PDBML (XML) file of the C-alpha atoms, coordinates in Angstrom:
<?xml version="1.0" encoding="UTF-8" ?>
<PDBx:datablock datablockName="MODEL"
   xmlns:PDBx="http://pdbml.pdb.org/schema/pdbx-v50.xsd"
   xmlns:xsi="http://www.w3.org/2001/XMLSchema-instance"
   xsi:schemaLocation="http://pdbml.pdb.org/schema/pdbx-v50.xsd pdbx-v50.xsd">
   <PDBx:atom_siteCategory>
      <PDBx:atom_site id="1">
         <PDBx:B_iso_or_equiv>0.00</PDBx:B_iso_or_equiv>
         <PDBx:Cartn_x>0.000</PDBx:Cartn_x>
         <PDBx:Cartn_y>0.000</PDBx:Cartn_y>
         <PDBx:Cartn_z>0.000</PDBx:Cartn_z>
         <PDBx:auth_asym_id>A</PDBx:auth_asym_id>
         <PDBx:auth_atom_id>CA</PDBx:auth_atom_id>
         <PDBx:auth_comp_id>ARG</PDBx:auth_comp_id>
         <PDBx:auth_seq_id>1</PDBx:auth_seq_id>
         <PDBx:group_PDB>ATOM</PDBx:group_PDB>
         <PDBx:label_alt_id xsi:nil="true" />
         <PDBx:label_asym_id>A</PDBx:label_asym_id>
         <PDBx:label_atom_id>CA</PDBx:label_atom_id>
         <PDBx:label_comp_id>ARG</PDBx:label_comp_id>
         <PDBx:label_entity_id>1</PDBx:label_entity_id>
         <PDBx:label_seq_id>1</PDBx:label_seq_id>
         <PDBx:occupancy>1.00</PDBx:occupancy>
         <PDBx:pdbx_PDB_model_num>1</PDBx:pdbx_PDB_model_num>
         <PDBx:type_symbol>C</PDBx:type_symbol>
      </PDBx:atom_site>
      <PDBx:atom_site id="2">
         <PDBx:B_iso_or_equiv>0.00</PDBx:B_iso_or_equiv>
         <PDBx:Cartn_x>1.069</PDBx:Cartn_x>
         <PDBx:Cartn_y>3.604</PDBx:Cartn_y>
         <PDBx:Cartn_z>-0.533</PDBx:Cartn_z>
         <PDBx:auth_asym_id>A</PDBx:auth_asym_id>
         <PDBx:auth_atom_id>CA</PDBx:auth_atom_id>
         <PDBx:auth_comp_id>HIS</PDBx:auth_comp_id>
         <PDBx:auth_seq_id>2</PDBx:auth_seq_id>
         <PDBx:group_PDB>ATOM</PDBx:group_PDB>
         <PDBx:label_alt_id xsi:nil="true" />
         <PDBx:label_asym_id>A</PDBx:label_asym_id>
         <PDBx:label_atom_id>CA</PDBx:label_atom_id>
         <PDBx:label_comp_id>HIS</PDBx:label_comp_id>
         <PDBx:label_entity_id>1</PDBx:label_entity_id>
         <PDBx:label_seq_id>2</PDBx:label_seq_id>
         <PDBx:occupancy>1.00</PDBx:occupancy>
         <PDBx:pdbx_PDB_model_num>1</PDBx:pdbx_PDB_model_num>
         <PDBx:type_symbol>C</PDBx:type_symbol>
      </PDBx:atom_site>
      <PDBx:atom_site id="3">
         <PDBx:B_iso_or_equiv>0.00</PDBx:B_iso_or_equiv>
         <PDBx:Cartn_x>0.727</PDBx:Cartn_x>
         <PDBx:Cartn_y>6.516</PDBx:Cartn_y>
         <PDBx:Cartn_z>1.845</PDBx:Cartn_z>
         <PDBx:auth_asym_id>A</PDBx:auth_asym_id>
         <PDBx:auth_atom_id>CA</PDBx:auth_atom_id>
         <PDBx:auth_comp_id>LEU</PDBx:auth_comp_id>
         <PDBx:auth_seq_id>3</PDBx:auth_seq_id>
         <PDBx:group_PDB>ATOM</PDBx:group_PDB>
         <PDBx:label_alt_id xsi:nil="true" />
         <PDBx:label_asym_id>A</PDBx:label_asym_id>
         <PDBx:label_atom_id>CA</PDBx:label_atom_id>
         <PDBx:label_comp_id>LEU</PDBx:label_comp_id>
         <PDBx:label_entity_id>1</PDBx:label_entity_id>
         <PDBx:label_seq_id>3</PDBx:label_seq_id>
         <PDBx:occupancy>1.00</PDBx:occupancy>
         <PDBx:pdbx_PDB_model_num>1</PDBx:pdbx_PDB_model_num>
         <PDBx:type_symbol>C</PDBx:type_symbol>
      </PDBx:atom_site>
      <PDBx:atom_site id="4">
         <PDBx:B_iso_or_equiv>0.00</PDBx:B_iso_or_equiv>
         <PDBx:Cartn_x>-2.326</PDBx:Cartn_x>
         <PDBx:Cartn_y>8.677</PDBx:Cartn_y>
         <PDBx:Cartn_z>1.071</PDBx:Cartn_z>
         <PDBx:auth_asym_id>A</PDBx:auth_asym_id>
         <PDBx:auth_atom_id>CA</PDBx:auth_atom_id>
         <PDBx:auth_comp_id>VAL</PDBx:auth_comp_id>
         <PDBx:auth_seq_id>4</PDBx:auth_seq_id>
         <PDBx:group_PDB>ATOM</PDBx:group_PDB>
         <PDBx:label_alt_id xsi:nil="true" />
         <PDBx:label_asym_id>A</PDBx:label_asym_id>
         <PDBx:label_atom_id>CA</PDBx:label_atom_id>
         <PDBx:label_comp_id>VAL</PDBx:label_comp_id>
         <PDBx:label_entity_id>1</PDBx:label_entity_id>
         <PDBx:label_seq_id>4</PDBx:label_seq_id>
         <PDBx:occupancy>1.00</PDBx:occupancy>
         <PDBx:pdbx_PDB_model_num>1</PDBx:pdbx_PDB_model_num>
         <PDBx:type_symbol>C</PDBx:type_symbol>
      </PDBx:atom_site>
      <PDBx:atom_site id="5">
         <PDBx:B_iso_or_equiv>0.00</PDBx:B_iso_or_equiv>
         <PDBx:Cartn_x>-1.783</PDBx:Cartn_x>
         <PDBx:Cartn_y>12.438</PDBx:Cartn_y>
         <PDBx:Cartn_z>1.223</PDBx:Cartn_z>
         <PDBx:auth_asym_id>A</PDBx:auth_asym_id>
         <PDBx:auth_atom_id>CA</PDBx:auth_atom_id>
         <PDBx:auth_comp_id>VAL</PDBx:auth_comp_id>
         <PDBx:auth_seq_id>5</PDBx:auth_seq_id>
         <PDBx:group_PDB>ATOM</PDBx:group_PDB>
         <PDBx:label_alt_id xsi:nil="true" />
         <PDBx:label_asym_id>A</PDBx:label_asym_id>
         <PDBx:label_atom_id>CA</PDBx:label_atom_id>
         <PDBx:label_comp_id>VAL</PDBx:label_comp_id>
         <PDBx:label_entity_id>1</PDBx:label_entity_id>
         <PDBx:label_seq_id>5</PDBx:label_seq_id>
         <PDBx:occupancy>1.00</PDBx:occupancy>
         <PDBx:pdbx_PDB_model_num>1</PDBx:pdbx_PDB_model_num>
         <PDBx:type_symbol>C</PDBx:type_symbol>
      </PDBx:atom_site>
      <PDBx:atom_site id="6">
         <PDBx:B_iso_or_equiv>0.00</PDBx:B_iso_or_equiv>
         <PDBx:Cartn_x>-4.355</PDBx:Cartn_x>
         <PDBx:Cartn_y>15.215</PDBx:Cartn_y>
         <PDBx:Cartn_z>1.424</PDBx:Cartn_z>
         <PDBx:auth_asym_id>A</PDBx:auth_asym_id>
         <PDBx:auth_atom_id>CA</PDBx:auth_atom_id>
         <PDBx:auth_comp_id>GLY</PDBx:auth_comp_id>
         <PDBx:auth_seq_id>6</PDBx:auth_seq_id>
         <PDBx:group_PDB>ATOM</PDBx:group_PDB>
         <PDBx:label_alt_id xsi:nil="true" />
         <PDBx:label_asym_id>A</PDBx:label_asym_id>
         <PDBx:label_atom_id>CA</PDBx:label_atom_id>
         <PDBx:label_comp_id>GLY</PDBx:label_comp_id>
         <PDBx:label_entity_id>1</PDBx:label_entity_id>
         <PDBx:label_seq_id>6</PDBx:label_seq_id>
         <PDBx:occupancy>1.00</PDBx:occupancy>
         <PDBx:pdbx_PDB_model_num>1</PDBx:pdbx_PDB_model_num>
         <PDBx:type_symbol>C</PDBx:type_symbol>
      </PDBx:atom_site>
      <PDBx:atom_site id="7">
         <PDBx:B_iso_or_equiv>0.00</PDBx:B_iso_or_equiv>
         <PDBx:Cartn_x>-4.898</PDBx:Cartn_x>
         <PDBx:Cartn_y>18.741</PDBx:Cartn_y>
         <PDBx:Cartn_z>2.680</PDBx:Cartn_z>
         <PDBx:auth_asym_id>A</PDBx:auth_asym_id>
         <PDBx:auth_atom_id>CA</PDBx:auth_atom_id>
         <PDBx:auth_comp_id>LYS</PDBx:auth_comp_id>
         <PDBx:auth_seq_id>7</PDBx:auth_seq_id>
         <PDBx:group_PDB>ATOM</PDBx:group_PDB>
         <PDBx:label_alt_id xsi:nil="true" />
         <PDBx:label_asym_id>A</PDBx:label_asym_id>
         <PDBx:label_atom_id>CA</PDBx:label_atom_id>
         <PDBx:label_comp_id>LYS</PDBx:label_comp_id>
         <PDBx:label_entity_id>1</PDBx:label_entity_id>
         <PDBx:label_seq_id>7</PDBx:label_seq_id>
         <PDBx:occupancy>1.00</PDBx:occupancy>
         <PDBx:pdbx_PDB_model_num>1</PDBx:pdbx_PDB_model_num>
         <PDBx:type_symbol>C</PDBx:type_symbol>
      </PDBx:atom_site>
      <PDBx:atom_site id="8">
         <PDBx:B_iso_or_equiv>0.00</PDBx:B_iso_or_equiv>
         <PDBx:Cartn_x>-8.501</PDBx:Cartn_x>
         <PDBx:Cartn_y>19.188</PDBx:Cartn_y>
         <PDBx:Cartn_z>3.864</PDBx:Cartn_z>
         <PDBx:auth_asym_id>A</PDBx:auth_asym_id>
         <PDBx:auth_atom_id>CA</PDBx:auth_atom_id>
         <PDBx:auth_comp_id>ARG</PDBx:auth_comp_id>
         <PDBx:auth_seq_id>8</PDBx:auth_seq_id>
         <PDBx:group_PDB>ATOM</PDBx:group_PDB>
         <PDBx:label_alt_id xsi:nil="true" />
         <PDBx:label_asym_id>A</PDBx:label_asym_id>
         <PDBx:label_atom_id>CA</PDBx:label_atom_id>
         <PDBx:label_comp_id>ARG</PDBx:label_comp_id>
         <PDBx:label_entity_id>1</PDBx:label_entity_id>
         <PDBx:label_seq_id>8</PDBx:label_seq_id>
         <PDBx:occupancy>1.00</PDBx:occupancy>
         <PDBx:pdbx_PDB_model_num>1</PDBx:pdbx_PDB_model_num>
         <PDBx:type_symbol>C</PDBx:type_symbol>
      </PDBx:atom_site>
      <PDBx:atom_site id="9">
         <PDBx:B_iso_or_equiv>0.00</PDBx:B_iso_or_equiv>
         <PDBx:Cartn_x>-9.434</PDBx:Cartn_x>
         <PDBx:Cartn_y>15.892</PDBx:Cartn_y>
         <PDBx:Cartn_z>5.452</PDBx:Cartn_z>
         <PDBx:auth_asym_id>A</PDBx:auth_asym_id>
         <PDBx:auth_atom_id>CA</PDBx:auth_atom_id>
         <PDBx:auth_comp_id>GLY</PDBx:auth_comp_id>
         <PDBx:auth_seq_id>9</PDBx:auth_seq_id>
         <PDBx:group_PDB>ATOM</PDBx:group_PDB>
         <PDBx:label_alt_id xsi:nil="true" />
         <PDBx:label_asym_id>A</PDBx:label_asym_id>
         <PDBx:label_atom_id>CA</PDBx:label_atom_id>
         <PDBx:label_comp_id>GLY</PDBx:label_comp_id>
         <PDBx:label_entity_id>1</PDBx:label_entity_id>
         <PDBx:label_seq_id>9</PDBx:label_seq_id>
         <PDBx:occupancy>1.00</PDBx:occupancy>
         <PDBx:pdbx_PDB_model_num>1</PDBx:pdbx_PDB_model_num>
         <PDBx:type_symbol>C</PDBx:type_symbol>
      </PDBx:atom_site>
      <PDBx:atom_site id="10">
         <PDBx:B_iso_or_equiv>0.00</PDBx:B_iso_or_equiv>
         <PDBx:Cartn_x>-8.538</PDBx:Cartn_x>
         <PDBx:Cartn_y>12.236</PDBx:Cartn_y>
         <PDBx:Cartn_z>5.822</PDBx:Cartn_z>
         <PDBx:auth_asym_id>A</PDBx:auth_asym_id>
         <PDBx:auth_atom_id>CA</PDBx:auth_atom_id>
         <PDBx:auth_comp_id>ALA</PDBx:auth_comp_id>
         <PDBx:auth_seq_id>10</PDBx:auth_seq_id>
         <PDBx:group_PDB>ATOM</PDBx:group_PDB>
         <PDBx:label_alt_id xsi:nil="true" />
         <PDBx:label_asym_id>A</PDBx:label_asym_id>
         <PDBx:label_atom_id>CA</PDBx:label_atom_id>
         <PDBx:label_comp_id>ALA</PDBx:label_comp_id>
         <PDBx:label_entity_id>1</PDBx:label_entity_id>
         <PDBx:label_seq_id>10</PDBx:label_seq_id>
         <PDBx:occupancy>1.00</PDBx:occupancy>
         <PDBx:pdbx_PDB_model_num>1</PDBx:pdbx_PDB_model_num>
         <PDBx:type_symbol>C</PDBx:type_symbol>
      </PDBx:atom_site>
      <PDBx:atom_site id="11">
         <PDBx:B_iso_or_equiv>0.00</PDBx:B_iso_or_equiv>
         <PDBx:Cartn_x>-10.099</PDBx:Cartn_x>
         <PDBx:Cartn_y>8.995</PDBx:Cartn_y>
         <PDBx:Cartn_z>7.037</PDBx:Cartn_z>
         <PDBx:auth_asym_id>A</PDBx:auth_asym_id>
         <PDBx:auth_atom_id>CA</PDBx:auth_atom_id>
         <PDBx:auth_comp_id>VAL</PDBx:auth_comp_id>
         <PDBx:auth_seq_id>11</PDBx:auth_seq_id>
         <PDBx:group_PDB>ATOM</PDBx:group_PDB>
         <PDBx:label_alt_id xsi:nil="true" />
         <PDBx:label_asym_id>A</PDBx:label_asym_id>
         <PDBx:label_atom_id>CA</PDBx:label_atom_id>
         <PDBx:label_comp_id>VAL</PDBx:label_comp_id>
         <PDBx:label_entity_id>1</PDBx:label_entity_id>
         <PDBx:label_seq_id>11</PDBx:label_seq_id>
         <PDBx:occupancy>1.00</PDBx:occupancy>
         <PDBx:pdbx_PDB_model_num>1</PDBx:pdbx_PDB_model_num>
         <PDBx:type_symbol>C</PDBx:type_symbol>
      </PDBx:atom_site>
      <PDBx:atom_site id="12">
         <PDBx:B_iso_or_equiv>0.00</PDBx:B_iso_or_equiv>
         <PDBx:Cartn_x>-8.820</PDBx:Cartn_x>
         <PDBx:Cartn_y>5.456</PDBx:Cartn_y>
         <PDBx:Cartn_z>7.518</PDBx:Cartn_z>
         <PDBx:auth_asym_id>A</PDBx:auth_asym_id>
         <PDBx:auth_atom_id>CA</PDBx:auth_atom_id>
         <PDBx:auth_comp_id>ALA</PDBx:auth_comp_id>
         <PDBx:auth_seq_id>12</PDBx:auth_seq_id>
         <PDBx:group_PDB>ATOM</PDBx:group_PDB>
         <PDBx:label_alt_id xsi:nil="true" />
         <PDBx:label_asym_id>A</PDBx:label_asym_id>
         <PDBx:label_atom_id>CA</PDBx:label_atom_id>
         <PDBx:label_comp_id>ALA</PDBx:label_comp_id>
         <PDBx:label_entity_id>1</PDBx:label_entity_id>
         <PDBx:label_seq_id>12</PDBx:label_seq_id>
         <PDBx:occupancy>1.00</PDBx:occupancy>
         <PDBx:pdbx_PDB_model_num>1</PDBx:pdbx_PDB_model_num>
         <PDBx:type_symbol>C</PDBx:type_symbol>
      </PDBx:atom_site>
      <PDBx:atom_site id="13">
         <PDBx:B_iso_or_equiv>0.00</PDBx:B_iso_or_equiv>
         <PDBx:Cartn_x>-10.502</PDBx:Cartn_x>
         <PDBx:Cartn_y>2.272</PDBx:Cartn_y>
         <PDBx:Cartn_z>8.661</PDBx:Cartn_z>
         <PDBx:auth_asym_id>A</PDBx:auth_asym_id>
         <PDBx:auth_atom_id>CA</PDBx:auth_atom_id>
         <PDBx:auth_comp_id>THR</PDBx:auth_comp_id>
         <PDBx:auth_seq_id>13</PDBx:auth_seq_id>
         <PDBx:group_PDB>ATOM</PDBx:group_PDB>
         <PDBx:label_alt_id xsi:nil="true" />
         <PDBx:label_asym_id>A</PDBx:label_asym_id>
         <PDBx:label_atom_id>CA</PDBx:label_atom_id>
         <PDBx:label_comp_id>THR</PDBx:label_comp_id>
         <PDBx:label_entity_id>1</PDBx:label_entity_id>
         <PDBx:label_seq_id>13</PDBx:label_seq_id>
         <PDBx:occupancy>1.00</PDBx:occupancy>
         <PDBx:pdbx_PDB_model_num>1</PDBx:pdbx_PDB_model_num>
         <PDBx:type_symbol>C</PDBx:type_symbol>
      </PDBx:atom_site>
      <PDBx:atom_site id="14">
         <PDBx:B_iso_or_equiv>0.00</PDBx:B_iso_or_equiv>
         <PDBx:Cartn_x>-10.727</PDBx:Cartn_x>
         <PDBx:Cartn_y>-1.476</PDBx:Cartn_y>
         <PDBx:Cartn_z>8.055</PDBx:Cartn_z>
         <PDBx:auth_asym_id>A</PDBx:auth_asym_id>
         <PDBx:auth_atom_id>CA</PDBx:auth_atom_id>
         <PDBx:auth_comp_id>SER</PDBx:auth_comp_id>
         <PDBx:auth_seq_id>14</PDBx:auth_seq_id>
         <PDBx:group_PDB>ATOM</PDBx:group_PDB>
         <PDBx:label_alt_id xsi:nil="true" />
         <PDBx:label_asym_id>A</PDBx:label_asym_id>
         <PDBx:label_atom_id>CA</PDBx:label_atom_id>
         <PDBx:label_comp_id>SER</PDBx:label_comp_id>
         <PDBx:label_entity_id>1</PDBx:label_entity_id>
         <PDBx:label_seq_id>14</PDBx:label_seq_id>
         <PDBx:occupancy>1.00</PDBx:occupancy>
         <PDBx:pdbx_PDB_model_num>1</PDBx:pdbx_PDB_model_num>
         <PDBx:type_symbol>C</PDBx:type_symbol>
      </PDBx:atom_site>
      <PDBx:atom_site id="15">
         <PDBx:B_iso_or_equiv>0.00</PDBx:B_iso_or_equiv>
         <PDBx:Cartn_x>-13.504</PDBx:Cartn_x>
         <PDBx:Cartn_y>-1.453</PDBx:Cartn_y>
         <PDBx:Cartn_z>5.413</PDBx:Cartn_z>
         <PDBx:auth_asym_id>A</PDBx:auth_asym_id>
         <PDBx:auth_atom_id>CA</PDBx:auth_atom_id>
         <PDBx:auth_comp_id>GLN</PDBx:auth_comp_id>
         <PDBx:auth_seq_id>15</PDBx:auth_seq_id>
         <PDBx:group_PDB>ATOM</PDBx:group_PDB>
         <PDBx:label_alt_id xsi:nil="true" />
         <PDBx:label_asym_id>A</PDBx:label_asym_id>
         <PDBx:label_atom_id>CA</PDBx:label_atom_id>
         <PDBx:label_comp_id>GLN</PDBx:label_comp_id>
         <PDBx:label_entity_id>1</PDBx:label_entity_id>
         <PDBx:label_seq_id>15</PDBx:label_seq_id>
         <PDBx:occupancy>1.00</PDBx:occupancy>
         <PDBx:pdbx_PDB_model_num>1</PDBx:pdbx_PDB_model_num>
         <PDBx:type_symbol>C</PDBx:type_symbol>
      </PDBx:atom_site>
      <PDBx:atom_site id="16">
         <PDBx:B_iso_or_equiv>0.00</PDBx:B_iso_or_equiv>
         <PDBx:Cartn_x>-13.406</PDBx:Cartn_x>
         <PDBx:Cartn_y>0.570</PDBx:Cartn_y>
         <PDBx:Cartn_z>2.167</PDBx:Cartn_z>
         <PDBx:auth_asym_id>A</PDBx:auth_asym_id>
         <PDBx:auth_atom_id>CA</PDBx:auth_atom_id>
         <PDBx:auth_comp_id>PRO</PDBx:auth_comp_id>
         <PDBx:auth_seq_id>16</PDBx:auth_seq_id>
         <PDBx:group_PDB>ATOM</PDBx:group_PDB>
         <PDBx:label_alt_id xsi:nil="true" />
         <PDBx:label_asym_id>A</PDBx:label_asym_id>
         <PDBx:label_atom_id>CA</PDBx:label_atom_id>
         <PDBx:label_comp_id>PRO</PDBx:label_comp_id>
         <PDBx:label_entity_id>1</PDBx:label_entity_id>
         <PDBx:label_seq_id>16</PDBx:label_seq_id>
         <PDBx:occupancy>1.00</PDBx:occupancy>
         <PDBx:pdbx_PDB_model_num>1</PDBx:pdbx_PDB_model_num>
         <PDBx:type_symbol>C</PDBx:type_symbol>
      </PDBx:atom_site>
      <PDBx:atom_site id="17">
         <PDBx:B_iso_or_equiv>0.00</PDBx:B_iso_or_equiv>
         <PDBx:Cartn_x>-17.174</PDBx:Cartn_x>
         <PDBx:Cartn_y>1.244</PDBx:Cartn_y>
         <PDBx:Cartn_z>2.252</PDBx:Cartn_z>
         <PDBx:auth_asym_id>A</PDBx:auth_asym_id>
         <PDBx:auth_atom_id>CA</PDBx:auth_atom_id>
         <PDBx:auth_comp_id>GLN</PDBx:auth_comp_id>
         <PDBx:auth_seq_id>17</PDBx:auth_seq_id>
         <PDBx:group_PDB>ATOM</PDBx:group_PDB>
         <PDBx:label_alt_id xsi:nil="true" />
         <PDBx:label_asym_id>A</PDBx:label_asym_id>
         <PDBx:label_atom_id>CA</PDBx:label_atom_id>
         <PDBx:label_comp_id>GLN</PDBx:label_comp_id>
         <PDBx:label_entity_id>1</PDBx:label_entity_id>
         <PDBx:label_seq_id>17</PDBx:label_seq_id>
         <PDBx:occupancy>1.00</PDBx:occupancy>
         <PDBx:pdbx_PDB_model_num>1</PDBx:pdbx_PDB_model_num>
         <PDBx:type_symbol>C</PDBx:type_symbol>
      </PDBx:atom_site>
      <PDBx:atom_site id="18">
         <PDBx:B_iso_or_equiv>0.00</PDBx:B_iso_or_equiv>
         <PDBx:Cartn_x>-16.847</PDBx:Cartn_x>
         <PDBx:Cartn_y>2.589</PDBx:Cartn_y>
         <PDBx:Cartn_z>5.788</PDBx:Cartn_z>
         <PDBx:auth_asym_id>A</PDBx:auth_asym_id>
         <PDBx:auth_atom_id>CA</PDBx:auth_atom_id>
         <PDBx:auth_comp_id>ALA</PDBx:auth_comp_id>
         <PDBx:auth_seq_id>18</PDBx:auth_seq_id>
         <PDBx:group_PDB>ATOM</PDBx:group_PDB>
         <PDBx:label_alt_id xsi:nil="true" />
         <PDBx:label_asym_id>A</PDBx:label_asym_id>
         <PDBx:label_atom_id>CA</PDBx:label_atom_id>
         <PDBx:label_comp_id>ALA</PDBx:label_comp_id>
         <PDBx:label_entity_id>1</PDBx:label_entity_id>
         <PDBx:label_seq_id>18</PDBx:label_seq_id>
         <PDBx:occupancy>1.00</PDBx:occupancy>
         <PDBx:pdbx_PDB_model_num>1</PDBx:pdbx_PDB_model_num>
         <PDBx:type_symbol>C</PDBx:type_symbol>
      </PDBx:atom_site>
      <PDBx:atom_site id="19">
         <PDBx:B_iso_or_equiv>0.00</PDBx:B_iso_or_equiv>
         <PDBx:Cartn_x>-14.007</PDBx:Cartn_x>
         <PDBx:Cartn_y>4.872</PDBx:Cartn_y>
         <PDBx:Cartn_z>4.717</PDBx:Cartn_z>
         <PDBx:auth_asym_id>A</PDBx:auth_asym_id>
         <PDBx:auth_atom_id>CA</PDBx:auth_atom_id>
         <PDBx:auth_comp_id>ALA</PDBx:auth_comp_id>
         <PDBx:auth_seq_id>19</PDBx:auth_seq_id>
         <PDBx:group_PDB>ATOM</PDBx:group_PDB>
         <PDBx:label_alt_id xsi:nil="true" />
         <PDBx:label_asym_id>A</PDBx:label_asym_id>
         <PDBx:label_atom_id>CA</PDBx:label_atom_id>
         <PDBx:label_comp_id>ALA</PDBx:label_comp_id>
         <PDBx:label_entity_id>1</PDBx:label_entity_id>
         <PDBx:label_seq_id>19</PDBx:label_seq_id>
         <PDBx:occupancy>1.00</PDBx:occupancy>
         <PDBx:pdbx_PDB_model_num>1</PDBx:pdbx_PDB_model_num>
         <PDBx:type_symbol>C</PDBx:type_symbol>
      </PDBx:atom_site>
      <PDBx:atom_site id="20">
         <PDBx:B_iso_or_equiv>0.00</PDBx:B_iso_or_equiv>
         <PDBx:Cartn_x>-16.265</PDBx:Cartn_x>
         <PDBx:Cartn_y>6.098</PDBx:Cartn_y>
         <PDBx:Cartn_z>1.920</PDBx:Cartn_z>
         <PDBx:auth_asym_id>A</PDBx:auth_asym_id>
         <PDBx:auth_atom_id>CA</PDBx:auth_atom_id>
         <PDBx:auth_comp_id>LEU</PDBx:auth_comp_id>
         <PDBx:auth_seq_id>20</PDBx:auth_seq_id>
         <PDBx:group_PDB>ATOM</PDBx:group_PDB>
         <PDBx:label_alt_id xsi:nil="true" />
         <PDBx:label_asym_id>A</PDBx:label_asym_id>
         <PDBx:label_atom_id>CA</PDBx:label_atom_id>
         <PDBx:label_comp_id>LEU</PDBx:label_comp_id>
         <PDBx:label_entity_id>1</PDBx:label_entity_id>
         <PDBx:label_seq_id>20</PDBx:label_seq_id>
         <PDBx:occupancy>1.00</PDBx:occupancy>
         <PDBx:pdbx_PDB_model_num>1</PDBx:pdbx_PDB_model_num>
         <PDBx:type_symbol>C</PDBx:type_symbol>
      </PDBx:atom_site>
      <PDBx:atom_site id="21">
         <PDBx:B_iso_or_equiv>0.00</PDBx:B_iso_or_equiv>
         <PDBx:Cartn_x>-18.978</PDBx:Cartn_x>
         <PDBx:Cartn_y>6.794</PDBx:Cartn_y>
         <PDBx:Cartn_z>4.497</PDBx:Cartn_z>
         <PDBx:auth_asym_id>A</PDBx:auth_asym_id>
         <PDBx:auth_atom_id>CA</PDBx:auth_atom_id>
         <PDBx:auth_comp_id>ALA</PDBx:auth_comp_id>
         <PDBx:auth_seq_id>21</PDBx:auth_seq_id>
         <PDBx:group_PDB>ATOM</PDBx:group_PDB>
         <PDBx:label_alt_id xsi:nil="true" />
         <PDBx:label_asym_id>A</PDBx:label_asym_id>
         <PDBx:label_atom_id>CA</PDBx:label_atom_id>
         <PDBx:label_comp_id>ALA</PDBx:label_comp_id>
         <PDBx:label_entity_id>1</PDBx:label_entity_id>
         <PDBx:label_seq_id>21</PDBx:label_seq_id>
         <PDBx:occupancy>1.00</PDBx:occupancy>
         <PDBx:pdbx_PDB_model_num>1</PDBx:pdbx_PDB_model_num>
         <PDBx:type_symbol>C</PDBx:type_symbol>
      </PDBx:atom_site>
      <PDBx:atom_site id="22">
         <PDBx:B_iso_or_equiv>0.00</PDBx:B_iso_or_equiv>
         <PDBx:Cartn_x>-16.565</PDBx:Cartn_x>
         <PDBx:Cartn_y>8.984</PDBx:Cartn_y>
         <PDBx:Cartn_z>6.413</PDBx:Cartn_z>
         <PDBx:auth_asym_id>A</PDBx:auth_asym_id>
         <PDBx:auth_atom_id>CA</PDBx:auth_atom_id>
         <PDBx:auth_comp_id>GLY</PDBx:auth_comp_id>
         <PDBx:auth_seq_id>22</PDBx:auth_seq_id>
         <PDBx:group_PDB>ATOM</PDBx:group_PDB>
         <PDBx:label_alt_id xsi:nil="true" />
         <PDBx:label_asym_id>A</PDBx:label_asym_id>
         <PDBx:label_atom_id>CA</PDBx:label_atom_id>
         <PDBx:label_comp_id>GLY</PDBx:label_comp_id>
         <PDBx:label_entity_id>1</PDBx:label_entity_id>
         <PDBx:label_seq_id>22</PDBx:label_seq_id>
         <PDBx:occupancy>1.00</PDBx:occupancy>
         <PDBx:pdbx_PDB_model_num>1</PDBx:pdbx_PDB_model_num>
         <PDBx:type_symbol>C</PDBx:type_symbol>
      </PDBx:atom_site>
      <PDBx:atom_site id="23">
         <PDBx:B_iso_or_equiv>0.00</PDBx:B_iso_or_equiv>
         <PDBx:Cartn_x>-15.460</PDBx:Cartn_x>
         <PDBx:Cartn_y>10.810</PDBx:Cartn_y>
         <PDBx:Cartn_z>3.294</PDBx:Cartn_z>
         <PDBx:auth_asym_id>A</PDBx:auth_asym_id>
         <PDBx:auth_atom_id>CA</PDBx:auth_atom_id>
         <PDBx:auth_comp_id>MET</PDBx:auth_comp_id>
         <PDBx:auth_seq_id>23</PDBx:auth_seq_id>
         <PDBx:group_PDB>ATOM</PDBx:group_PDB>
         <PDBx:label_alt_id xsi:nil="true" />
         <PDBx:label_asym_id>A</PDBx:label_asym_id>
         <PDBx:label_atom_id>CA</PDBx:label_atom_id>
         <PDBx:label_comp_id>MET</PDBx:label_comp_id>
         <PDBx:label_entity_id>1</PDBx:label_entity_id>
         <PDBx:label_seq_id>23</PDBx:label_seq_id>
         <PDBx:occupancy>1.00</PDBx:occupancy>
         <PDBx:pdbx_PDB_model_num>1</PDBx:pdbx_PDB_model_num>
         <PDBx:type_symbol>C</PDBx:type_symbol>
      </PDBx:atom_site>
      <PDBx:atom_site id="24">
         <PDBx:B_iso_or_equiv>0.00</PDBx:B_iso_or_equiv>
         <PDBx:Cartn_x>-19.117</PDBx:Cartn_x>
         <PDBx:Cartn_y>11.404</PDBx:Cartn_y>
         <PDBx:Cartn_z>2.343</PDBx:Cartn_z>
         <PDBx:auth_asym_id>A</PDBx:auth_asym_id>
         <PDBx:auth_atom_id>CA</PDBx:auth_atom_id>
         <PDBx:auth_comp_id>GLU</PDBx:auth_comp_id>
         <PDBx:auth_seq_id>24</PDBx:auth_seq_id>
         <PDBx:group_PDB>ATOM</PDBx:group_PDB>
         <PDBx:label_alt_id xsi:nil="true" />
         <PDBx:label_asym_id>A</PDBx:label_asym_id>
         <PDBx:label_atom_id>CA</PDBx:label_atom_id>
         <PDBx:label_comp_id>GLU</PDBx:label_comp_id>
         <PDBx:label_entity_id>1</PDBx:label_entity_id>
         <PDBx:label_seq_id>24</PDBx:label_seq_id>
         <PDBx:occupancy>1.00</PDBx:occupancy>
         <PDBx:pdbx_PDB_model_num>1</PDBx:pdbx_PDB_model_num>
         <PDBx:type_symbol>C</PDBx:type_symbol>
      </PDBx:atom_site>
   </PDBx:atom_siteCategory>
</PDBx:datablock>
């Protein structure tokens, strides 16, 4: 995996759909 970089916000968790929920 590669490091993910952003400026305004970030989320990380054990399920992709849950991460999408946070980003929503």
